[in-house]
Amino acid sequence: MPSWADSVKRSAEERRKHSRDELYKGSIEVGSTEYVSHPATLEGGDIVVTENGIFVGESSRTNSAGIKQLATYLSEQVVTPVKTSLFHLLCGCSYLTDREMIIAPELLDTRSFPGFRFITIPKEETYACDSLYVGDGKVMIPSGFPEAAMKLKQAGYEPIEVEMSEFRKGDGGVTCLSSPVYKLF
């Protein structure tokens, strides 16, 4: 059975397709590798991993065929598709811990995540939803979003603000600059 790290994505973005070969070279040491094959596309920015399953955004970068292939590879996990008009699912929400998410409800329907509690962020601060829980109650968020930071503090988290303005120009967020490792099996 392949692990999460063994599934190699197939990007919808033409200029990023070369990275698949590099990912494959690095994954040989991990074990078996499963490819997402044509016509499927799947990008990491559309994947939200929780203790209660994996949510995958069906977006401009990830299609239903990619979600179906991922669900097949990870058959022991619950993989739930979430329709979104966002660039990536992580542009509108991120999982924190203990069934709690940070989310922009004006852009994503909270009903897509049944059983979760939400820290809601206004549309004007949506970029802060692309955040990363790093443990011990700490959450990395982009700097410059005071309401998001305040709401995280009120919910008992410690926001760690990081300068992201240059990465934002290229559509990058906090999670784009991280490689979390999840133990799913």
N, C-alpha and C. Protein backbone atom coordinates (compact mmCIF):
# COMPACT_ATOMS: atom_id res chain seq x y z
N MET A 1 0.85 -1.18 0.00
CA MET A 1 0.00 0.00 0.00
C MET A 1 0.89 1.24 0.00
N PRO A 2 0.70 2.15 -0.95
CA PRO A 2 1.55 3.35 -0.99
C PRO A 2 1.21 4.30 0.16
N SER A 3 2.19 5.02 0.62
CA SER A 3 1.95 6.05 1.63
C SER A 3 1.72 7.38 0.93
N TRP A 4 1.31 8.38 1.70
CA TRP A 4 1.06 9.71 1.15
C TRP A 4 2.29 10.23 0.41
N ALA A 5 3.48 10.03 0.96
CA ALA A 5 4.70 10.54 0.34
C ALA A 5 5.01 9.84 -0.98
N ASP A 6 4.42 8.67 -1.21
CA ASP A 6 4.72 7.92 -2.41
C ASP A 6 3.86 8.31 -3.61
N SER A 7 2.81 9.07 -3.40
CA SER A 7 1.94 9.46 -4.50
C SER A 7 2.53 10.69 -5.17
N VAL A 8 2.85 10.57 -6.43
CA VAL A 8 3.46 11.67 -7.16
C VAL A 8 2.39 12.39 -7.96
N LYS A 9 2.32 13.68 -7.77
CA LYS A 9 1.29 14.49 -8.40
C LYS A 9 1.56 14.68 -9.88
N ARG A 10 0.55 15.09 -10.60
CA ARG A 10 0.65 15.48 -11.99
C ARG A 10 0.06 16.88 -12.07
N SER A 11 0.91 17.86 -12.27
CA SER A 11 0.51 19.26 -12.23
C SER A 11 -0.30 19.66 -13.45
N ALA A 12 -1.28 20.53 -13.23
CA ALA A 12 -2.03 21.11 -14.33
C ALA A 12 -1.25 22.26 -14.96
N GLU A 13 -0.29 22.78 -14.23
CA GLU A 13 0.52 23.90 -14.67
C GLU A 13 1.66 23.38 -15.55
N GLU A 14 1.66 23.72 -16.83
CA GLU A 14 2.63 23.20 -17.79
C GLU A 14 4.07 23.43 -17.35
N ARG A 15 4.38 24.61 -16.84
CA ARG A 15 5.76 24.93 -16.49
C ARG A 15 6.25 24.16 -15.26
N ARG A 16 5.35 23.48 -14.54
CA ARG A 16 5.75 22.75 -13.33
C ARG A 16 5.83 21.24 -13.56
N LYS A 17 5.53 20.78 -14.75
CA LYS A 17 5.48 19.33 -15.00
C LYS A 17 6.84 18.67 -14.89
N HIS A 18 7.94 19.40 -15.09
CA HIS A 18 9.28 18.82 -14.98
C HIS A 18 9.59 18.37 -13.56
N SER A 19 8.91 18.95 -12.57
CA SER A 19 9.21 18.60 -11.18
C SER A 19 8.82 17.16 -10.85
N ARG A 20 7.95 16.57 -11.64
CA ARG A 20 7.54 15.19 -11.39
C ARG A 20 8.73 14.24 -11.44
N ASP A 21 9.61 14.42 -12.43
CA ASP A 21 10.78 13.55 -12.54
C ASP A 21 11.69 13.70 -11.33
N GLU A 22 11.85 14.93 -10.86
CA GLU A 22 12.69 15.17 -9.69
C GLU A 22 12.06 14.55 -8.44
N LEU A 23 10.74 14.67 -8.31
CA LEU A 23 10.05 14.04 -7.18
C LEU A 23 10.23 12.53 -7.21
N TYR A 24 10.14 11.97 -8.41
CA TYR A 24 10.30 10.53 -8.54
C TYR A 24 11.69 10.09 -8.07
N LYS A 25 12.73 10.81 -8.50
CA LYS A 25 14.10 10.46 -8.11
C LYS A 25 14.22 10.43 -6.58
N GLY A 26 13.62 11.39 -5.92
CA GLY A 26 13.69 11.46 -4.47
C GLY A 26 12.83 10.42 -3.78
N SER A 27 11.81 9.94 -4.44
CA SER A 27 10.89 9.01 -3.79
C SER A 27 11.30 7.56 -3.95
N ILE A 28 12.27 7.27 -4.79
CA ILE A 28 12.70 5.89 -5.00
C ILE A 28 13.12 5.25 -3.68
N GLU A 29 13.78 6.04 -2.84
CA GLU A 29 14.25 5.51 -1.56
C GLU A 29 13.10 5.22 -0.59
N VAL A 30 11.95 5.85 -0.80
CA VAL A 30 10.82 5.70 0.11
C VAL A 30 10.12 4.36 -0.09
N GLY A 31 10.05 3.90 -1.31
CA GLY A 31 9.34 2.65 -1.60
C GLY A 31 8.60 2.77 -2.90
N SER A 32 7.44 2.14 -2.99
CA SER A 32 6.67 2.17 -4.22
C SER A 32 6.17 3.59 -4.50
N THR A 33 6.03 3.89 -5.78
CA THR A 33 5.56 5.21 -6.19
C THR A 33 4.35 5.03 -7.09
N GLU A 34 3.31 5.79 -6.81
CA GLU A 34 2.11 5.76 -7.63
C GLU A 34 2.00 7.11 -8.34
N TYR A 35 1.80 7.07 -9.64
CA TYR A 35 1.63 8.29 -10.42
C TYR A 35 0.16 8.58 -10.64
N VAL A 36 -0.16 9.85 -10.64
CA VAL A 36 -1.47 10.29 -11.07
C VAL A 36 -1.35 10.45 -12.58
N SER A 37 -2.15 9.70 -13.33
CA SER A 37 -1.96 9.66 -14.78
C SER A 37 -3.04 10.41 -15.53
N HIS A 38 -2.70 10.79 -16.74
CA HIS A 38 -3.58 11.54 -17.64
C HIS A 38 -4.95 10.85 -17.74
N PRO A 39 -6.02 11.58 -17.68
CA PRO A 39 -6.16 13.04 -17.70
C PRO A 39 -6.19 13.69 -16.32
N ALA A 40 -5.81 12.94 -15.31
CA ALA A 40 -5.87 13.44 -13.93
C ALA A 40 -4.82 14.51 -13.67
N THR A 41 -5.20 15.50 -12.84
CA THR A 41 -4.25 16.48 -12.31
C THR A 41 -4.49 16.57 -10.81
N LEU A 42 -3.42 16.76 -10.06
CA LEU A 42 -3.50 16.82 -8.61
C LEU A 42 -2.36 17.67 -8.10
N GLU A 43 -2.68 18.70 -7.32
CA GLU A 43 -1.65 19.57 -6.76
C GLU A 43 -1.78 19.62 -5.24
N GLY A 44 -0.66 19.69 -4.58
CA GLY A 44 -0.62 19.68 -3.12
C GLY A 44 -1.39 20.81 -2.47
N GLY A 45 -1.49 21.95 -3.13
CA GLY A 45 -2.23 23.08 -2.58
C GLY A 45 -3.72 22.83 -2.48
N ASP A 46 -4.19 21.74 -3.06
CA ASP A 46 -5.61 21.39 -2.99
C ASP A 46 -5.88 20.31 -1.95
N ILE A 47 -4.87 19.94 -1.18
CA ILE A 47 -5.02 18.84 -0.24
C ILE A 47 -4.93 19.32 1.20
N VAL A 48 -5.96 19.01 1.98
CA VAL A 48 -5.99 19.33 3.40
C VAL A 48 -6.09 18.01 4.16
N VAL A 49 -5.05 17.69 4.94
CA VAL A 49 -4.99 16.44 5.68
C VAL A 49 -5.43 16.69 7.11
N THR A 50 -6.38 15.88 7.59
CA THR A 50 -6.86 15.96 8.97
C THR A 50 -6.82 14.57 9.58
N GLU A 51 -7.02 14.49 10.89
CA GLU A 51 -7.09 13.18 11.53
C GLU A 51 -8.33 12.40 11.09
N ASN A 52 -9.29 13.11 10.53
CA ASN A 52 -10.56 12.49 10.15
C ASN A 52 -10.72 12.35 8.65
N GLY A 53 -9.64 12.39 7.93
CA GLY A 53 -9.71 12.22 6.49
C GLY A 53 -8.99 13.31 5.74
N ILE A 54 -9.01 13.16 4.43
CA ILE A 54 -8.32 14.09 3.54
C ILE A 54 -9.36 14.78 2.68
N PHE A 55 -9.28 16.10 2.63
CA PHE A 55 -10.17 16.90 1.80
C PHE A 55 -9.35 17.39 0.62
N VAL A 56 -9.92 17.25 -0.59
CA VAL A 56 -9.19 17.63 -1.80
C VAL A 56 -10.06 18.59 -2.61
N GLY A 57 -9.51 19.77 -2.86
CA GLY A 57 -10.23 20.76 -3.64
C GLY A 57 -10.25 20.41 -5.12
N GLU A 58 -11.44 20.43 -5.68
CA GLU A 58 -11.56 20.30 -7.14
C GLU A 58 -11.52 21.72 -7.67
N SER A 59 -10.37 22.09 -8.24
CA SER A 59 -10.09 23.49 -8.58
C SER A 59 -9.59 23.58 -10.01
N SER A 60 -9.02 24.73 -10.34
CA SER A 60 -8.41 24.88 -11.66
C SER A 60 -7.13 24.05 -11.78
N ARG A 61 -6.59 23.58 -10.68
CA ARG A 61 -5.34 22.83 -10.68
C ARG A 61 -5.52 21.34 -10.40
N THR A 62 -6.62 20.95 -9.78
CA THR A 62 -6.87 19.55 -9.45
C THR A 62 -8.25 19.18 -9.99
N ASN A 63 -8.31 18.09 -10.75
CA ASN A 63 -9.61 17.70 -11.31
C ASN A 63 -10.17 16.46 -10.62
N SER A 64 -11.39 16.11 -10.96
CA SER A 64 -12.05 14.97 -10.31
C SER A 64 -11.32 13.66 -10.57
N ALA A 65 -10.71 13.53 -11.75
CA ALA A 65 -9.95 12.30 -12.05
C ALA A 65 -8.75 12.18 -11.10
N GLY A 66 -8.10 13.29 -10.79
CA GLY A 66 -6.98 13.28 -9.85
C GLY A 66 -7.43 12.89 -8.45
N ILE A 67 -8.58 13.42 -8.05
CA ILE A 67 -9.11 13.09 -6.72
C ILE A 67 -9.46 11.61 -6.65
N LYS A 68 -10.07 11.08 -7.69
CA LYS A 68 -10.43 9.66 -7.71
C LYS A 68 -9.19 8.77 -7.65
N GLN A 69 -8.14 9.16 -8.39
CA GLN A 69 -6.92 8.35 -8.35
C GLN A 69 -6.27 8.41 -6.97
N LEU A 70 -6.24 9.58 -6.35
CA LEU A 70 -5.69 9.70 -5.00
C LEU A 70 -6.48 8.82 -4.03
N ALA A 71 -7.80 8.86 -4.14
CA ALA A 71 -8.64 8.04 -3.26
C ALA A 71 -8.36 6.55 -3.45
N THR A 72 -8.06 6.15 -4.67
CA THR A 72 -7.71 4.75 -4.93
C THR A 72 -6.38 4.41 -4.29
N TYR A 73 -5.38 5.27 -4.44
CA TYR A 73 -4.06 5.03 -3.85
C TYR A 73 -4.13 4.99 -2.33
N LEU A 74 -4.98 5.83 -1.76
CA LEU A 74 -5.10 5.93 -0.30
C LEU A 74 -6.41 5.32 0.16
N SER A 75 -6.68 4.12 -0.29
CA SER A 75 -7.99 3.49 -0.07
C SER A 75 -8.35 3.30 1.40
N GLU A 76 -7.36 3.33 2.29
CA GLU A 76 -7.66 3.18 3.72
C GLU A 76 -8.05 4.52 4.35
N GLN A 77 -7.97 5.60 3.60
CA GLN A 77 -8.32 6.94 4.08
C GLN A 77 -9.63 7.40 3.46
N VAL A 78 -10.33 8.27 4.16
CA VAL A 78 -11.51 8.90 3.60
C VAL A 78 -11.03 10.12 2.83
N VAL A 79 -11.26 10.14 1.52
CA VAL A 79 -10.88 11.27 0.67
C VAL A 79 -12.16 11.94 0.21
N THR A 80 -12.33 13.20 0.60
CA THR A 80 -13.55 13.94 0.32
C THR A 80 -13.28 15.08 -0.65
N PRO A 81 -13.94 15.09 -1.82
CA PRO A 81 -13.77 16.21 -2.75
C PRO A 81 -14.51 17.45 -2.24
N VAL A 82 -13.93 18.61 -2.49
CA VAL A 82 -14.54 19.89 -2.13
C VAL A 82 -14.46 20.78 -3.36
N LYS A 83 -15.61 21.11 -3.93
CA LYS A 83 -15.63 22.01 -5.10
C LYS A 83 -15.22 23.40 -4.66
N THR A 84 -14.34 24.02 -5.44
CA THR A 84 -13.91 25.38 -5.12
C THR A 84 -13.56 26.15 -6.38
N SER A 85 -13.81 27.44 -6.35
CA SER A 85 -13.42 28.31 -7.46
C SER A 85 -12.08 28.99 -7.13
N LEU A 86 -11.52 28.65 -5.97
CA LEU A 86 -10.24 29.22 -5.58
C LEU A 86 -9.10 28.59 -6.38
N PHE A 87 -7.97 29.26 -6.42
CA PHE A 87 -6.76 28.75 -7.07
C PHE A 87 -6.42 27.37 -6.53
N HIS A 88 -6.38 27.25 -5.21
CA HIS A 88 -6.19 25.99 -4.49
C HIS A 88 -7.09 26.00 -3.26
N LEU A 89 -7.43 24.84 -2.74
CA LEU A 89 -8.25 24.74 -1.54
C LEU A 89 -7.57 25.45 -0.36
N LEU A 90 -6.23 25.34 -0.26
CA LEU A 90 -5.51 25.97 0.84
C LEU A 90 -5.53 27.50 0.77
N CYS A 91 -6.02 28.06 -0.31
CA CYS A 91 -6.17 29.52 -0.39
C CYS A 91 -7.36 30.00 0.45
N GLY A 92 -8.20 29.08 0.88
CA GLY A 92 -9.39 29.47 1.64
C GLY A 92 -9.54 28.78 2.98
N CYS A 93 -8.68 27.81 3.28
CA CYS A 93 -8.78 27.12 4.58
C CYS A 93 -7.50 26.34 4.85
N SER A 94 -7.27 26.09 6.12
CA SER A 94 -6.18 25.21 6.56
C SER A 94 -6.63 24.49 7.81
N TYR A 95 -6.16 23.27 7.96
CA TYR A 95 -6.47 22.50 9.15
C TYR A 95 -5.48 22.89 10.24
N LEU A 96 -5.99 23.06 11.45
CA LEU A 96 -5.13 23.37 12.59
C LEU A 96 -4.89 22.09 13.39
N THR A 97 -5.79 21.77 14.30
CA THR A 97 -5.69 20.55 15.09
C THR A 97 -7.01 20.31 15.79
N ASP A 98 -7.22 19.12 16.29
CA ASP A 98 -8.41 18.80 17.08
C ASP A 98 -9.72 19.25 16.41
N ARG A 99 -9.86 18.90 15.13
CA ARG A 99 -11.08 19.19 14.36
C ARG A 99 -11.37 20.69 14.24
N GLU A 100 -10.33 21.48 14.17
CA GLU A 100 -10.50 22.93 14.03
C GLU A 100 -9.76 23.42 12.79
N MET A 101 -10.44 24.32 12.06
CA MET A 101 -9.88 24.87 10.83
C MET A 101 -9.95 26.39 10.86
N ILE A 102 -9.05 27.01 10.12
CA ILE A 102 -9.14 28.43 9.82
C ILE A 102 -9.72 28.50 8.40
N ILE A 103 -10.75 29.33 8.20
CA ILE A 103 -11.48 29.30 6.93
C ILE A 103 -12.07 30.67 6.60
N ALA A 104 -12.19 30.94 5.31
CA ALA A 104 -12.88 32.13 4.81
C ALA A 104 -14.25 31.67 4.32
N PRO A 105 -15.29 31.78 5.17
CA PRO A 105 -16.59 31.22 4.82
C PRO A 105 -17.27 31.92 3.65
N GLU A 106 -16.83 33.11 3.30
CA GLU A 106 -17.39 33.78 2.12
C GLU A 106 -16.92 33.11 0.82
N LEU A 107 -15.83 32.33 0.93
CA LEU A 107 -15.25 31.71 -0.26
C LEU A 107 -15.36 30.19 -0.27
N LEU A 108 -15.52 29.59 0.90
CA LEU A 108 -15.67 28.14 1.01
C LEU A 108 -16.83 27.82 1.93
N ASP A 109 -17.64 26.89 1.53
CA ASP A 109 -18.80 26.49 2.32
C ASP A 109 -18.34 25.60 3.48
N THR A 110 -18.58 26.05 4.70
CA THR A 110 -18.17 25.29 5.87
C THR A 110 -18.86 23.92 5.93
N ARG A 111 -19.99 23.76 5.25
CA ARG A 111 -20.69 22.47 5.24
C ARG A 111 -19.87 21.38 4.53
N SER A 112 -18.84 21.79 3.80
CA SER A 112 -17.95 20.82 3.15
C SER A 112 -17.10 20.07 4.16
N PHE A 113 -17.07 20.58 5.40
CA PHE A 113 -16.22 20.01 6.46
C PHE A 113 -17.07 19.70 7.69
N PRO A 114 -17.96 18.71 7.60
CA PRO A 114 -18.86 18.41 8.71
C PRO A 114 -18.09 17.95 9.96
N GLY A 115 -18.57 18.42 11.11
CA GLY A 115 -17.98 18.02 12.37
C GLY A 115 -16.78 18.85 12.81
N PHE A 116 -16.40 19.85 12.04
CA PHE A 116 -15.27 20.69 12.38
C PHE A 116 -15.72 22.00 13.01
N ARG A 117 -14.85 22.59 13.84
CA ARG A 117 -15.05 23.94 14.36
C ARG A 117 -14.22 24.87 13.48
N PHE A 118 -14.67 26.13 13.41
CA PHE A 118 -14.03 27.06 12.47
C PHE A 118 -13.61 28.36 13.14
N ILE A 119 -12.44 28.81 12.78
CA ILE A 119 -12.01 30.17 13.05
C ILE A 119 -12.24 30.89 11.74
N THR A 120 -13.23 31.76 11.70
CA THR A 120 -13.62 32.38 10.44
C THR A 120 -12.85 33.67 10.21
N ILE A 121 -12.38 33.81 9.00
CA ILE A 121 -11.56 34.94 8.59
C ILE A 121 -12.33 35.72 7.51
N PRO A 122 -12.36 37.05 7.62
CA PRO A 122 -13.08 37.82 6.61
C PRO A 122 -12.40 37.74 5.23
N LYS A 123 -13.18 37.93 4.21
CA LYS A 123 -12.70 37.82 2.83
C LYS A 123 -11.46 38.69 2.59
N GLU A 124 -11.40 39.86 3.23
CA GLU A 124 -10.27 40.78 3.04
C GLU A 124 -8.95 40.20 3.56
N GLU A 125 -9.02 39.21 4.44
CA GLU A 125 -7.81 38.61 5.01
C GLU A 125 -7.67 37.14 4.63
N THR A 126 -8.29 36.76 3.52
CA THR A 126 -8.28 35.38 3.08
C THR A 126 -6.88 34.80 2.94
N TYR A 127 -5.92 35.60 2.53
CA TYR A 127 -4.56 35.10 2.34
C TYR A 127 -4.02 34.46 3.62
N ALA A 128 -4.48 34.91 4.77
CA ALA A 128 -4.04 34.35 6.06
C ALA A 128 -4.58 32.94 6.29
N CYS A 129 -5.57 32.52 5.52
CA CYS A 129 -6.09 31.16 5.67
C CYS A 129 -5.07 30.11 5.24
N ASP A 130 -4.15 30.48 4.37
CA ASP A 130 -3.08 29.57 3.98
C ASP A 130 -2.04 29.63 5.09
N SER A 131 -2.31 28.86 6.13
CA SER A 131 -1.48 28.87 7.34
C SER A 131 -1.03 27.45 7.65
N LEU A 132 -0.11 27.32 8.61
CA LEU A 132 0.43 26.01 8.92
C LEU A 132 0.54 25.83 10.42
N TYR A 133 -0.20 24.84 10.95
CA TYR A 133 -0.09 24.48 12.36
C TYR A 133 1.22 23.73 12.53
N VAL A 134 2.09 24.21 13.44
CA VAL A 134 3.41 23.58 13.61
C VAL A 134 3.55 22.87 14.95
N GLY A 135 2.47 22.76 15.70
CA GLY A 135 2.49 22.06 16.98
C GLY A 135 2.54 23.01 18.16
N ASP A 136 2.26 22.49 19.34
CA ASP A 136 2.29 23.28 20.58
C ASP A 136 1.46 24.55 20.49
N GLY A 137 0.36 24.52 19.76
CA GLY A 137 -0.53 25.67 19.67
C GLY A 137 -0.03 26.79 18.77
N LYS A 138 1.06 26.56 18.04
CA LYS A 138 1.63 27.60 17.18
C LYS A 138 1.17 27.44 15.74
N VAL A 139 0.84 28.58 15.12
CA VAL A 139 0.36 28.58 13.74
C VAL A 139 1.13 29.64 12.96
N MET A 140 1.79 29.20 11.89
CA MET A 140 2.47 30.16 11.01
C MET A 140 1.44 30.79 10.09
N ILE A 141 1.42 32.14 10.08
CA ILE A 141 0.53 32.87 9.19
C ILE A 141 1.34 33.99 8.53
N PRO A 142 0.88 34.46 7.37
CA PRO A 142 1.57 35.60 6.77
C PRO A 142 1.36 36.85 7.62
N SER A 143 2.35 37.72 7.67
CA SER A 143 2.22 38.95 8.45
C SER A 143 1.29 39.92 7.74
N GLY A 144 0.73 40.83 8.52
CA GLY A 144 -0.11 41.87 7.95
C GLY A 144 -1.60 41.57 7.95
N PHE A 145 -2.02 40.61 8.73
CA PHE A 145 -3.44 40.24 8.79
C PHE A 145 -3.88 40.24 10.26
N PRO A 146 -4.12 41.44 10.80
CA PRO A 146 -4.36 41.58 12.24
C PRO A 146 -5.61 40.86 12.74
N GLU A 147 -6.67 40.84 11.96
CA GLU A 147 -7.89 40.17 12.42
C GLU A 147 -7.68 38.65 12.51
N ALA A 148 -6.98 38.09 11.53
CA ALA A 148 -6.69 36.66 11.57
C ALA A 148 -5.83 36.33 12.79
N ALA A 149 -4.80 37.14 13.04
CA ALA A 149 -3.94 36.91 14.20
C ALA A 149 -4.73 37.01 15.49
N MET A 150 -5.60 38.02 15.58
CA MET A 150 -6.42 38.20 16.78
C MET A 150 -7.35 37.01 17.01
N LYS A 151 -7.99 36.55 15.95
CA LYS A 151 -8.93 35.42 16.08
C LYS A 151 -8.20 34.14 16.48
N LEU A 152 -7.01 33.94 15.96
CA LEU A 152 -6.22 32.78 16.36
C LEU A 152 -5.87 32.86 17.84
N LYS A 153 -5.45 34.04 18.30
CA LYS A 153 -5.12 34.24 19.72
C LYS A 153 -6.34 33.97 20.60
N GLN A 154 -7.50 34.49 20.18
CA GLN A 154 -8.73 34.30 20.94
C GLN A 154 -9.10 32.82 21.03
N ALA A 155 -8.72 32.05 20.03
CA ALA A 155 -9.02 30.61 20.02
C ALA A 155 -7.95 29.80 20.75
N GLY A 156 -6.96 30.48 21.32
CA GLY A 156 -5.94 29.80 22.10
C GLY A 156 -4.67 29.44 21.36
N TYR A 157 -4.52 29.92 20.14
CA TYR A 157 -3.32 29.65 19.36
C TYR A 157 -2.33 30.80 19.48
N GLU A 158 -1.08 30.51 19.16
CA GLU A 158 -0.04 31.54 19.11
C GLU A 158 0.34 31.74 17.64
N PRO A 159 -0.14 32.83 17.02
CA PRO A 159 0.24 33.05 15.62
C PRO A 159 1.71 33.46 15.51
N ILE A 160 2.39 32.85 14.57
CA ILE A 160 3.77 33.22 14.25
C ILE A 160 3.70 33.87 12.88
N GLU A 161 3.87 35.19 12.86
CA GLU A 161 3.74 35.93 11.61
C GLU A 161 5.05 35.92 10.84
N VAL A 162 4.96 35.56 9.56
CA VAL A 162 6.14 35.52 8.70
C VAL A 162 5.91 36.42 7.48
N GLU A 163 6.96 37.08 7.07
CA GLU A 163 6.91 37.98 5.92
C GLU A 163 6.76 37.16 4.64
N MET A 164 5.69 37.38 3.90
CA MET A 164 5.40 36.58 2.71
C MET A 164 5.15 37.42 1.46
N SER A 165 5.38 38.74 1.52
CA SER A 165 4.98 39.61 0.42
C SER A 165 5.60 39.21 -0.92
N GLU A 166 6.86 38.83 -0.94
CA GLU A 166 7.48 38.44 -2.22
C GLU A 166 6.91 37.13 -2.74
N PHE A 167 6.66 36.18 -1.85
CA PHE A 167 6.09 34.90 -2.27
C PHE A 167 4.64 35.08 -2.73
N ARG A 168 3.93 36.01 -2.11
CA ARG A 168 2.55 36.27 -2.48
C ARG A 168 2.45 36.77 -3.92
N LYS A 169 3.44 37.54 -4.35
CA LYS A 169 3.44 38.04 -5.73
C LYS A 169 3.42 36.90 -6.75
N GLY A 170 3.98 35.77 -6.38
CA GLY A 170 3.99 34.59 -7.25
C GLY A 170 2.93 33.58 -6.88
N ASP A 171 1.91 34.02 -6.16
CA ASP A 171 0.79 33.17 -5.72
C ASP A 171 1.21 32.13 -4.69
N GLY A 172 2.32 32.34 -3.99
CA GLY A 172 2.78 31.40 -2.98
C GLY A 172 2.26 31.76 -1.60
N GLY A 173 2.04 30.76 -0.79
CA GLY A 173 1.59 30.96 0.58
C GLY A 173 2.47 30.21 1.56
N VAL A 174 2.12 30.28 2.83
CA VAL A 174 2.90 29.64 3.88
C VAL A 174 3.05 28.14 3.60
N THR A 175 1.98 27.48 3.21
CA THR A 175 2.07 26.03 2.99
C THR A 175 2.88 25.68 1.76
N CYS A 176 3.02 26.61 0.82
CA CYS A 176 3.84 26.35 -0.37
C CYS A 176 5.32 26.23 0.00
N LEU A 177 5.69 26.80 1.13
CA LEU A 177 7.09 26.81 1.55
C LEU A 177 7.38 25.78 2.63
N SER A 178 6.52 24.79 2.74
CA SER A 178 6.69 23.78 3.78
C SER A 178 6.50 22.39 3.19
N SER A 179 7.01 21.42 3.89
CA SER A 179 6.83 20.03 3.49
C SER A 179 6.44 19.21 4.71
N PRO A 180 5.20 19.37 5.17
CA PRO A 180 4.79 18.59 6.34
C PRO A 180 4.76 17.10 6.00
N VAL A 181 5.05 16.30 7.00
CA VAL A 181 5.04 14.85 6.84
C VAL A 181 3.90 14.32 7.70
N TYR A 182 3.00 13.55 7.08
CA TYR A 182 1.84 13.01 7.79
C TYR A 182 1.96 11.51 7.89
N LYS A 183 1.65 10.98 9.04
CA LYS A 183 1.60 9.53 9.20
C LYS A 183 0.14 9.13 9.06
N LEU A 184 -0.17 8.48 7.95
CA LEU A 184 -1.56 8.12 7.66
C LEU A 184 -1.84 6.64 7.91
N PHE A 185 -0.83 5.82 7.92
CA PHE A 185 -1.06 4.39 8.05
C PHE A 185 -0.37 3.87 9.29
